[in-house]
PDB file of all heavy atoms in Angstrom:
ATOM      1  N   ALA A   1       0.810  -1.218  -0.005  1.00  0.00           N
ATOM      2  CA  ALA A   1       0.001  -0.003  -0.003  1.00  0.00           C
ATOM      3  C   ALA A   1       0.845   1.278   0.004  1.00  0.00           C
ATOM      4  O   ALA A   1       0.474   2.254  -0.654  1.00  0.00           O
ATOM      5  CB  ALA A   1      -0.950  -0.003   1.198  1.00  0.00           C
ATOM      6  N   PHE A   2       1.980   1.254   0.709  1.00  0.00           N
ATOM      7  CA  PHE A   2       2.703   2.500   0.919  1.00  0.00           C
ATOM      8  C   PHE A   2       4.092   2.538   0.277  1.00  0.00           C
ATOM      9  O   PHE A   2       4.511   3.604  -0.180  1.00  0.00           O
ATOM     10  CB  PHE A   2       2.829   2.768   2.427  1.00  0.00           C
ATOM     11  CG  PHE A   2       1.503   2.903   3.112  1.00  0.00           C
ATOM     12  CD1 PHE A   2       0.932   1.833   3.794  1.00  0.00           C
ATOM     13  CD2 PHE A   2       0.799   4.086   3.044  1.00  0.00           C
ATOM     14  CE1 PHE A   2      -0.304   1.947   4.414  1.00  0.00           C
ATOM     15  CE2 PHE A   2      -0.444   4.229   3.653  1.00  0.00           C
ATOM     16  CZ  PHE A   2      -1.006   3.131   4.344  1.00  0.00           C
ATOM     17  N   ILE A   3       4.785   1.413   0.223  1.00  0.00           N
ATOM     18  CA  ILE A   3       6.150   1.423  -0.326  1.00  0.00           C
ATOM     19  C   ILE A   3       6.161   1.124  -1.809  1.00  0.00           C
ATOM     20  O   ILE A   3       6.888   1.777  -2.596  1.00  0.00           O
ATOM     21  CB  ILE A   3       7.026   0.415   0.445  1.00  0.00           C
ATOM     22  CG1 ILE A   3       7.127   0.824   1.906  1.00  0.00           C
ATOM     23  CG2 ILE A   3       8.409   0.325  -0.197  1.00  0.00           C
ATOM     24  CD1 ILE A   3       7.703   2.201   2.152  1.00  0.00           C
ATOM     25  N   GLU A   4       5.347   0.177  -2.251  1.00  0.00           N
ATOM     26  CA  GLU A   4       5.356  -0.213  -3.660  1.00  0.00           C
ATOM     27  C   GLU A   4       5.089   0.962  -4.608  1.00  0.00           C
ATOM     28  O   GLU A   4       5.770   1.098  -5.642  1.00  0.00           O
ATOM     29  CB  GLU A   4       4.305  -1.314  -3.892  1.00  0.00           C
ATOM     30  CG  GLU A   4       4.514  -2.129  -5.134  1.00  0.00           C
ATOM     31  CD  GLU A   4       5.549  -3.233  -4.968  1.00  0.00           C
ATOM     32  OE1 GLU A   4       6.107  -3.377  -3.869  1.00  0.00           O
ATOM     33  OE2 GLU A   4       5.806  -3.941  -5.966  1.00  0.00           O
ATOM     34  N   PRO A   5       4.154   1.864  -4.308  1.00  0.00           N
ATOM     35  CA  PRO A   5       3.930   2.993  -5.219  1.00  0.00           C
ATOM     36  C   PRO A   5       5.135   3.934  -5.334  1.00  0.00           C
ATOM     37  O   PRO A   5       5.199   4.718  -6.280  1.00  0.00           O
ATOM     38  CB  PRO A   5       2.719   3.722  -4.609  1.00  0.00           C
ATOM     39  CG  PRO A   5       2.046   2.708  -3.764  1.00  0.00           C
ATOM     40  CD  PRO A   5       3.134   1.834  -3.242  1.00  0.00           C
ATOM     41  N   LEU A   6       6.065   3.861  -4.403  1.00  0.00           N
ATOM     42  CA  LEU A   6       7.232   4.756  -4.401  1.00  0.00           C
ATOM     43  C   LEU A   6       8.501   4.044  -4.858  1.00  0.00           C
ATOM     44  O   LEU A   6       9.603   4.585  -4.716  1.00  0.00           O
ATOM     45  CB  LEU A   6       7.441   5.312  -2.986  1.00  0.00           C
ATOM     46  CG  LEU A   6       6.285   6.131  -2.393  1.00  0.00           C
ATOM     47  CD1 LEU A   6       6.553   6.441  -0.924  1.00  0.00           C
ATOM     48  CD2 LEU A   6       6.034   7.404  -3.177  1.00  0.00           C
ATOM     49  N   ARG A   7       8.380   2.840  -5.400  1.00  0.00           N
ATOM     50  CA  ARG A   7       9.562   2.038  -5.703  1.00  0.00           C
ATOM     51  C   ARG A   7      10.505   2.714  -6.698  1.00  0.00           C
ATOM     52  O   ARG A   7      11.716   2.429  -6.690  1.00  0.00           O
ATOM     53  CB  ARG A   7       9.165   0.658  -6.204  1.00  0.00           C
ATOM     54  CG  ARG A   7       8.335   0.636  -7.469  1.00  0.00           C
ATOM     55  CD  ARG A   7       7.841  -0.774  -7.790  1.00  0.00           C
ATOM     56  NE  ARG A   7       7.026  -0.835  -8.986  1.00  0.00           N
ATOM     57  CZ  ARG A   7       5.725  -0.615  -9.024  1.00  0.00           C
ATOM     58  NH1 ARG A   7       5.086  -0.310  -7.888  1.00  0.00           N
ATOM     59  NH2 ARG A   7       5.033  -0.684 -10.148  1.00  0.00           N
ATOM     60  N   SER A   8      10.021   3.608  -7.530  1.00  0.00           N
ATOM     61  CA  SER A   8      10.885   4.305  -8.497  1.00  0.00           C
ATOM     62  C   SER A   8      11.228   5.722  -8.053  1.00  0.00           C
ATOM     63  O   SER A   8      11.878   6.460  -8.783  1.00  0.00           O
ATOM     64  CB  SER A   8      10.218   4.346  -9.872  1.00  0.00           C
ATOM     65  OG  SER A   8       8.983   5.027  -9.813  1.00  0.00           O
ATOM     66  N   ASN A   9      10.810   6.093  -6.846  1.00  0.00           N
ATOM     67  CA  ASN A   9      11.095   7.443  -6.348  1.00  0.00           C
ATOM     68  C   ASN A   9      12.534   7.501  -5.846  1.00  0.00           C
ATOM     69  O   ASN A   9      12.909   6.747  -4.946  1.00  0.00           O
ATOM     70  CB  ASN A   9      10.126   7.793  -5.203  1.00  0.00           C
ATOM     71  CG  ASN A   9      10.164   9.250  -4.837  1.00  0.00           C
ATOM     72  OD1 ASN A   9      11.239   9.821  -4.673  1.00  0.00           O
ATOM     73  ND2 ASN A   9       9.008   9.856  -4.695  1.00  0.00           N
ATOM     74  N   PRO A  10      13.372   8.373  -6.393  1.00  0.00           N
ATOM     75  CA  PRO A  10      14.786   8.422  -5.979  1.00  0.00           C
ATOM     76  C   PRO A  10      14.997   8.857  -4.548  1.00  0.00           C
ATOM     77  O   PRO A  10      16.101   8.703  -4.014  1.00  0.00           O
ATOM     78  CB  PRO A  10      15.402   9.410  -6.976  1.00  0.00           C
ATOM     79  CG  PRO A  10      14.262  10.277  -7.419  1.00  0.00           C
ATOM     80  CD  PRO A  10      13.054   9.376  -7.431  1.00  0.00           C
ATOM     81  N   LEU A  11      13.964   9.418  -3.916  1.00  0.00           N
ATOM     82  CA  LEU A  11      14.103   9.860  -2.542  1.00  0.00           C
ATOM     83  C   LEU A  11      14.043   8.701  -1.547  1.00  0.00           C
ATOM     84  O   LEU A  11      14.400   8.869  -0.369  1.00  0.00           O
ATOM     85  CB  LEU A  11      13.015  10.875  -2.182  1.00  0.00           C
ATOM     86  CG  LEU A  11      13.102  12.226  -2.906  1.00  0.00           C
ATOM     87  CD1 LEU A  11      11.911  13.096  -2.540  1.00  0.00           C
ATOM     88  CD2 LEU A  11      14.415  12.935  -2.572  1.00  0.00           C
ATOM     89  N   LEU A  12      13.560   7.534  -1.990  1.00  0.00           N
ATOM     90  CA  LEU A  12      13.409   6.378  -1.094  1.00  0.00           C
ATOM     91  C   LEU A  12      14.415   5.299  -1.433  1.00  0.00           C
ATOM     92  O   LEU A  12      14.502   4.836  -2.581  1.00  0.00           O
ATOM     93  CB  LEU A  12      11.997   5.794  -1.194  1.00  0.00           C
ATOM     94  CG  LEU A  12      11.748   4.540  -0.350  1.00  0.00           C
ATOM     95  CD1 LEU A  12      11.892   4.831   1.134  1.00  0.00           C
ATOM     96  CD2 LEU A  12      10.366   3.947  -0.654  1.00  0.00           C
ATOM     97  N   THR A  13      15.184   4.893  -0.422  1.00  0.00           N
ATOM     98  CA  THR A  13      16.073   3.735  -0.538  1.00  0.00           C
ATOM     99  C   THR A  13      15.616   2.692   0.468  1.00  0.00           C
ATOM    100  O   THR A  13      15.493   2.982   1.662  1.00  0.00           O
ATOM    101  CB  THR A  13      17.544   4.132  -0.245  1.00  0.00           C
ATOM    102  OG1 THR A  13      17.957   5.136  -1.155  1.00  0.00           O
ATOM    103  CG2 THR A  13      18.444   2.911  -0.355  1.00  0.00           C
ATOM    104  N   VAL A  14      15.360   1.491  -0.035  1.00  0.00           N
ATOM    105  CA  VAL A  14      14.937   0.383   0.833  1.00  0.00           C
ATOM    106  C   VAL A  14      16.050  -0.664   0.819  1.00  0.00           C
ATOM    107  O   VAL A  14      16.454  -1.131  -0.241  1.00  0.00           O
ATOM    108  CB  VAL A  14      13.622  -0.237   0.366  1.00  0.00           C
ATOM    109  CG1 VAL A  14      13.224  -1.418   1.255  1.00  0.00           C
ATOM    110  CG2 VAL A  14      12.500   0.797   0.344  1.00  0.00           C
ATOM    111  N   ARG A  15      16.520  -1.030   1.988  1.00  0.00           N
ATOM    112  CA  ARG A  15      17.526  -2.079   2.115  1.00  0.00           C
ATOM    113  C   ARG A  15      16.924  -3.244   2.897  1.00  0.00           C
ATOM    114  O   ARG A  15      16.478  -3.077   4.044  1.00  0.00           O
ATOM    115  CB  ARG A  15      18.769  -1.583   2.838  1.00  0.00           C
ATOM    116  CG  ARG A  15      19.536  -0.470   2.098  1.00  0.00           C
ATOM    117  CD  ARG A  15      20.152  -0.959   0.786  1.00  0.00           C
ATOM    118  NE  ARG A  15      21.046  -2.085   0.998  1.00  0.00           N
ATOM    119  CZ  ARG A  15      22.354  -1.963   1.215  1.00  0.00           C
ATOM    120  NH1 ARG A  15      22.908  -0.761   1.260  1.00  0.00           N
ATOM    121  NH2 ARG A  15      23.108  -3.036   1.374  1.00  0.00           N
ATOM    122  N   LEU A  16      16.871  -4.448   2.257  1.00  0.00           N
ATOM    123  CA  LEU A  16      16.365  -5.642   2.910  1.00  0.00           C
ATOM    124  C   LEU A  16      17.533  -6.450   3.456  1.00  0.00           C
ATOM    125  O   LEU A  16      18.694  -6.244   3.091  1.00  0.00           O
ATOM    126  CB  LEU A  16      15.561  -6.485   1.916  1.00  0.00           C
ATOM    127  CG  LEU A  16      14.368  -5.794   1.262  1.00  0.00           C
ATOM    128  CD1 LEU A  16      13.713  -6.725   0.247  1.00  0.00           C
ATOM    129  CD2 LEU A  16      13.366  -5.336   2.314  1.00  0.00           C
ATOM    130  N   ASN A  17      17.210  -7.406   4.350  1.00  0.00           N
ATOM    131  CA  ASN A  17      18.252  -8.217   5.007  1.00  0.00           C
ATOM    132  C   ASN A  17      19.340  -7.339   5.577  1.00  0.00           C
ATOM    133  O   ASN A  17      20.528  -7.627   5.446  1.00  0.00           O
ATOM    134  CB  ASN A  17      18.824  -9.226   4.009  1.00  0.00           C
ATOM    135  CG  ASN A  17      17.742 -10.073   3.362  1.00  0.00           C
ATOM    136  OD1 ASN A  17      17.528 -10.018   2.161  1.00  0.00           O
ATOM    137  ND2 ASN A  17      17.044 -10.864   4.158  1.00  0.00           N
ATOM    138  N   ALA A  18      18.894  -6.263   6.235  1.00  0.00           N
ATOM    139  CA  ALA A  18      19.822  -5.246   6.757  1.00  0.00           C
ATOM    140  C   ALA A  18      19.509  -4.947   8.197  1.00  0.00           C
ATOM    141  O   ALA A  18      18.994  -3.872   8.556  1.00  0.00           O
ATOM    142  CB  ALA A  18      19.729  -3.977   5.904  1.00  0.00           C
ATOM    143  N   PRO A  19      19.796  -5.898   9.099  1.00  0.00           N
ATOM    144  CA  PRO A  19      19.502  -5.654  10.505  1.00  0.00           C
ATOM    145  C   PRO A  19      20.365  -4.544  11.100  1.00  0.00           C
ATOM    146  O   PRO A  19      21.580  -4.491  10.863  1.00  0.00           O
ATOM    147  CB  PRO A  19      19.808  -7.006  11.165  1.00  0.00           C
ATOM    148  CG  PRO A  19      20.784  -7.667  10.257  1.00  0.00           C
ATOM    149  CD  PRO A  19      20.425  -7.217   8.864  1.00  0.00           C
ATOM    150  N   VAL A  20      19.738  -3.671  11.848  1.00  0.00           N
ATOM    151  CA  VAL A  20      20.464  -2.575  12.502  1.00  0.00           C
ATOM    152  C   VAL A  20      21.026  -3.089  13.824  1.00  0.00           C
ATOM    153  O   VAL A  20      20.335  -3.714  14.615  1.00  0.00           O
ATOM    154  CB  VAL A  20      19.536  -1.372  12.727  1.00  0.00           C
ATOM    155  CG1 VAL A  20      20.237  -0.304  13.578  1.00  0.00           C
ATOM    156  CG2 VAL A  20      19.133  -0.783  11.387  1.00  0.00           C
ATOM    157  N   LYS A  21      22.303  -2.803  14.043  1.00  0.00           N
ATOM    158  CA  LYS A  21      22.978  -3.288  15.253  1.00  0.00           C
ATOM    159  C   LYS A  21      22.943  -2.266  16.377  1.00  0.00           C
ATOM    160  O   LYS A  21      22.850  -2.631  17.565  1.00  0.00           O
ATOM    161  CB  LYS A  21      24.423  -3.649  14.931  1.00  0.00           C
ATOM    162  CG  LYS A  21      24.524  -4.816  13.937  1.00  0.00           C
ATOM    163  CD  LYS A  21      25.930  -5.342  13.852  1.00  0.00           C
ATOM    164  CE  LYS A  21      25.977  -6.656  13.067  1.00  0.00           C
ATOM    165  NZ  LYS A  21      27.328  -7.265  13.103  1.00  0.00           N
ATOM    166  N   ARG A  22      23.013  -0.980  16.055  1.00  0.00           N
ATOM    167  CA  ARG A  22      22.942   0.031  17.103  1.00  0.00           C
ATOM    168  C   ARG A  22      22.690   1.398  16.474  1.00  0.00           C
ATOM    169  O   ARG A  22      22.975   1.627  15.280  1.00  0.00           O
ATOM    170  CB  ARG A  22      24.212   0.071  17.947  1.00  0.00           C
ATOM    171  CG  ARG A  22      25.481   0.421  17.226  1.00  0.00           C
ATOM    172  CD  ARG A  22      26.709   0.231  18.112  1.00  0.00           C
ATOM    173  NE  ARG A  22      27.945   0.513  17.404  1.00  0.00           N
ATOM    174  CZ  ARG A  22      28.573  -0.335  16.600  1.00  0.00           C
ATOM    175  NH1 ARG A  22      28.068  -1.552  16.415  1.00  0.00           N
ATOM    176  NH2 ARG A  22      29.702  -0.006  16.003  1.00  0.00           N
ATOM    177  N   ILE A  23      22.159   2.273  17.288  1.00  0.00           N
ATOM    178  CA  ILE A  23      21.956   3.678  16.911  1.00  0.00           C
ATOM    179  C   ILE A  23      23.128   4.462  17.483  1.00  0.00           C
ATOM    180  O   ILE A  23      23.527   4.263  18.637  1.00  0.00           O
ATOM    181  CB  ILE A  23      20.623   4.192  17.481  1.00  0.00           C
ATOM    182  CG1 ILE A  23      19.452   3.349  16.970  1.00  0.00           C
ATOM    183  CG2 ILE A  23      20.417   5.649  17.143  1.00  0.00           C
ATOM    184  CD1 ILE A  23      18.209   3.466  17.833  1.00  0.00           C
ATOM    185  N   LEU A  24      23.657   5.346  16.684  1.00  0.00           N
ATOM    186  CA  LEU A  24      24.779   6.168  17.137  1.00  0.00           C
ATOM    187  C   LEU A  24      24.241   7.431  17.810  1.00  0.00           C
ATOM    188  O   LEU A  24      23.417   8.157  17.258  1.00  0.00           O
ATOM    189  CB  LEU A  24      25.663   6.543  15.954  1.00  0.00           C
ATOM    190  CG  LEU A  24      26.260   5.355  15.183  1.00  0.00           C
ATOM    191  CD1 LEU A  24      27.029   5.841  13.963  1.00  0.00           C
ATOM    192  CD2 LEU A  24      27.161   4.514  16.083  1.00  0.00           C
ATOM    193  N   VAL A  25      24.705   7.657  19.034  1.00  0.00           N
ATOM    194  CA  VAL A  25      24.272   8.817  19.816  1.00  0.00           C
ATOM    195  C   VAL A  25      25.511   9.611  20.208  1.00  0.00           C
ATOM    196  O   VAL A  25      26.431   9.083  20.831  1.00  0.00           O
ATOM    197  CB  VAL A  25      23.485   8.385  21.077  1.00  0.00           C
ATOM    198  CG1 VAL A  25      23.050   9.622  21.861  1.00  0.00           C
ATOM    199  CG2 VAL A  25      22.279   7.546  20.691  1.00  0.00           C
ATOM    200  N   GLU A  26      25.519  10.869  19.794  1.00  0.00           N
ATOM    201  CA  GLU A  26      26.636  11.766  20.130  1.00  0.00           C
ATOM    202  C   GLU A  26      26.101  13.021  20.795  1.00  0.00           C
ATOM    203  O   GLU A  26      25.204  13.683  20.231  1.00  0.00           O
ATOM    204  CB  GLU A  26      27.402  12.151  18.843  1.00  0.00           C
ATOM    205  CG  GLU A  26      27.973  10.958  18.083  1.00  0.00           C
ATOM    206  CD  GLU A  26      28.569  11.358  16.739  1.00  0.00           C
ATOM    207  OE1 GLU A  26      28.708  12.585  16.526  1.00  0.00           O
ATOM    208  OE2 GLU A  26      28.881  10.468  15.938  1.00  0.00           O
ATOM    209  N   ASN A  27      26.586  13.313  21.988  1.00  0.00           N
ATOM    210  CA  ASN A  27      26.149  14.492  22.718  1.00  0.00           C
ATOM    211  C   ASN A  27      24.627  14.522  22.862  1.00  0.00           C
ATOM    212  O   ASN A  27      23.973  15.547  22.607  1.00  0.00           O
ATOM    213  CB  ASN A  27      26.659  15.787  22.041  1.00  0.00           C
ATOM    214  CG  ASN A  27      28.174  15.847  21.975  1.00  0.00           C
ATOM    215  OD1 ASN A  27      28.849  15.476  22.947  1.00  0.00           O
ATOM    216  ND2 ASN A  27      28.693  16.286  20.844  1.00  0.00           N
ATOM    217  N   GLU A  28      24.082  13.350  23.229  1.00  0.00           N
ATOM    218  CA  GLU A  28      22.630  13.201  23.477  1.00  0.00           C
ATOM    219  C   GLU A  28      21.811  13.497  22.219  1.00  0.00           C
ATOM    220  O   GLU A  28      20.677  13.952  22.304  1.00  0.00           O
ATOM    221  CB  GLU A  28      22.186  14.073  24.649  1.00  0.00           C
ATOM    222  CG  GLU A  28      22.871  13.690  25.947  1.00  0.00           C
ATOM    223  CD  GLU A  28      22.386  14.486  27.141  1.00  0.00           C
ATOM    224  OE1 GLU A  28      21.665  15.495  26.927  1.00  0.00           O
ATOM    225  OE2 GLU A  28      22.732  14.123  28.266  1.00  0.00           O
ATOM    226  N   ARG A  29      22.375  13.193  21.071  1.00  0.00           N
ATOM    227  CA  ARG A  29      21.671  13.385  19.808  1.00  0.00           C
ATOM    228  C   ARG A  29      21.912  12.156  18.927  1.00  0.00           C
ATOM    229  O   ARG A  29      23.051  11.728  18.755  1.00  0.00           O
ATOM    230  CB  ARG A  29      22.180  14.652  19.107  1.00  0.00           C
ATOM    231  CG  ARG A  29      21.539  14.905  17.724  1.00  0.00           C
ATOM    232  CD  ARG A  29      22.100  16.183  17.128  1.00  0.00           C
ATOM    233  NE  ARG A  29      21.767  17.336  17.942  1.00  0.00           N
ATOM    234  CZ  ARG A  29      20.634  18.037  17.828  1.00  0.00           C
ATOM    235  NH1 ARG A  29      19.742  17.714  16.896  1.00  0.00           N
ATOM    236  NH2 ARG A  29      20.405  19.076  18.596  1.00  0.00           N
ATOM    237  N   ALA A  30      20.841  11.579  18.375  1.00  0.00           N
ATOM    238  CA  ALA A  30      20.973  10.444  17.458  1.00  0.00           C
ATOM    239  C   ALA A  30      21.461  10.959  16.115  1.00  0.00           C
ATOM    240  O   ALA A  30      20.858  11.874  15.530  1.00  0.00           O
ATOM    241  CB  ALA A  30      19.641   9.737  17.293  1.00  0.00           C
ATOM    242  N   THR A  31      22.555  10.384  15.625  1.00  0.00           N
ATOM    243  CA  THR A  31      23.181  10.895  14.406  1.00  0.00           C
ATOM    244  C   THR A  31      23.198   9.883  13.274  1.00  0.00           C
ATOM    245  O   THR A  31      23.322  10.266  12.103  1.00  0.00           O
ATOM    246  CB  THR A  31      24.624  11.340  14.687  1.00  0.00           C
ATOM    247  OG1 THR A  31      25.363  10.225  15.226  1.00  0.00           O
ATOM    248  CG2 THR A  31      24.667  12.502  15.666  1.00  0.00           C
ATOM    249  N   GLY A  32      23.126   8.605  13.568  1.00  0.00           N
ATOM    250  CA  GLY A  32      23.213   7.591  12.522  1.00  0.00           C
ATOM    251  C   GLY A  32      22.954   6.211  13.089  1.00  0.00           C
ATOM    252  O   GLY A  32      22.629   6.045  14.280  1.00  0.00           O
ATOM    253  N   VAL A  33      23.104   5.191  12.220  1.00  0.00           N
ATOM    254  CA  VAL A  33      22.928   3.815  12.670  1.00  0.00           C
ATOM    255  C   VAL A  33      24.016   2.954  12.015  1.00  0.00           C
ATOM    256  O   VAL A  33      24.564   3.289  10.964  1.00  0.00           O
ATOM    257  CB  VAL A  33      21.533   3.245  12.309  1.00  0.00           C
ATOM    258  CG1 VAL A  33      20.440   4.128  12.853  1.00  0.00           C
ATOM    259  CG2 VAL A  33      21.378   3.044  10.814  1.00  0.00           C
ATOM    260  N   VAL A  34      24.277   1.818  12.656  1.00  0.00           N
ATOM    261  CA  VAL A  34      25.178   0.811  12.119  1.00  0.00           C
ATOM    262  C   VAL A  34      24.339  -0.398  11.781  1.00  0.00           C
ATOM    263  O   VAL A  34      23.581  -0.893  12.637  1.00  0.00           O
ATOM    264  CB  VAL A  34      26.277   0.430  13.129  1.00  0.00           C
ATOM    265  CG1 VAL A  34      27.153  -0.689  12.562  1.00  0.00           C
ATOM    266  CG2 VAL A  34      27.120   1.647  13.487  1.00  0.00           C
ATOM    267  N   PHE A  35      24.439  -0.879  10.530  1.00  0.00           N
ATOM    268  CA  PHE A  35      23.669  -2.051  10.145  1.00  0.00           C
ATOM    269  C   PHE A  35      24.557  -3.034   9.384  1.00  0.00           C
ATOM    270  O   PHE A  35      25.636  -2.690   8.897  1.00  0.00           O
ATOM    271  CB  PHE A  35      22.458  -1.663   9.294  1.00  0.00           C
ATOM    272  CG  PHE A  35      22.755  -1.191   7.897  1.00  0.00           C
ATOM    273  CD1 PHE A  35      22.691  -2.088   6.822  1.00  0.00           C
ATOM    274  CD2 PHE A  35      23.064   0.132   7.646  1.00  0.00           C
ATOM    275  CE1 PHE A  35      22.946  -1.652   5.528  1.00  0.00           C
ATOM    276  CE2 PHE A  35      23.334   0.583   6.336  1.00  0.00           C
ATOM    277  CZ  PHE A  35      23.269  -0.329   5.293  1.00  0.00           C
ATOM    278  N   ALA A  36      24.102  -4.273   9.296  1.00  0.00           N
ATOM    279  CA  ALA A  36      24.833  -5.316   8.571  1.00  0.00           C
ATOM    280  C   ALA A  36      24.238  -5.449   7.177  1.00  0.00           C
ATOM    281  O   ALA A  36      23.009  -5.433   7.008  1.00  0.00           O
ATOM    282  CB  ALA A  36      24.719  -6.640   9.309  1.00  0.00           C
ATOM    283  N   ASP A  37      25.109  -5.571   6.181  1.00  0.00           N
ATOM    284  CA  ASP A  37      24.613  -5.679   4.802  1.00  0.00           C
ATOM    285  C   ASP A  37      25.027  -6.975   4.116  1.00  0.00           C
ATOM    286  O   ASP A  37      24.974  -7.094   2.905  1.00  0.00           O
ATOM    287  CB  ASP A  37      25.052  -4.487   3.970  1.00  0.00           C
ATOM    288  CG  ASP A  37      26.554  -4.468   3.721  1.00  0.00           C
ATOM    289  OD1 ASP A  37      27.284  -5.298   4.313  1.00  0.00           O
ATOM    290  OD2 ASP A  37      27.011  -3.618   2.925  1.00  0.00           O
ATOM    291  N   GLY A  38      25.435  -7.971   4.890  1.00  0.00           N
ATOM    292  CA  GLY A  38      25.833  -9.238   4.311  1.00  0.00           C
ATOM    293  C   GLY A  38      27.328  -9.373   4.100  1.00  0.00           C
ATOM    294  O   GLY A  38      27.865 -10.474   4.021  1.00  0.00           O
ATOM    295  N   THR A  39      28.023  -8.240   3.965  1.00  0.00           N
ATOM    296  CA  THR A  39      29.472  -8.265   3.782  1.00  0.00           C
ATOM    297  C   THR A  39      30.211  -7.708   4.989  1.00  0.00           C
ATOM    298  O   THR A  39      31.420  -7.777   5.068  1.00  0.00           O
ATOM    299  CB  THR A  39      29.872  -7.456   2.534  1.00  0.00           C
ATOM    300  OG1 THR A  39      29.484  -6.088   2.712  1.00  0.00           O
ATOM    301  CG2 THR A  39      29.203  -8.022   1.290  1.00  0.00           C
ATOM    302  N   GLY A  40      29.463  -7.151   5.914  1.00  0.00           N
ATOM    303  CA  GLY A  40      30.072  -6.537   7.087  1.00  0.00           C
ATOM    304  C   GLY A  40      29.149  -5.476   7.644  1.00  0.00           C
ATOM    305  O   GLY A  40      27.940  -5.497   7.436  1.00  0.00           O
ATOM    306  N   GLU A  41      29.733  -4.524   8.339  1.00  0.00           N
ATOM    307  CA  GLU A  41      28.960  -3.445   8.928  1.00  0.00           C
ATOM    308  C   GLU A  41      29.063  -2.191   8.074  1.00  0.00           C
ATOM    309  O   GLU A  41      30.107  -1.906   7.501  1.00  0.00           O
ATOM    310  CB  GLU A  41      29.436  -3.135  10.358  1.00  0.00           C
ATOM    311  CG  GLU A  41      29.159  -4.224  11.357  1.00  0.00           C
ATOM    312  CD  GLU A  41      29.495  -3.791  12.773  1.00  0.00           C
ATOM    313  OE1 GLU A  41      30.040  -2.665  12.940  1.00  0.00           O
ATOM    314  OE2 GLU A  41      29.228  -4.568  13.692  1.00  0.00           O
TER     315      GLU A  41
END
């Protein structure tokens, strides 16, 4: 319903089989995430 209609939209990137290992927090602010992509982190 929501992702398929946007599959060709360049603003959306979908990564499957990509478990997130942790959220990066710097100075009490979330800045990024670390995830596994099959070849490493």
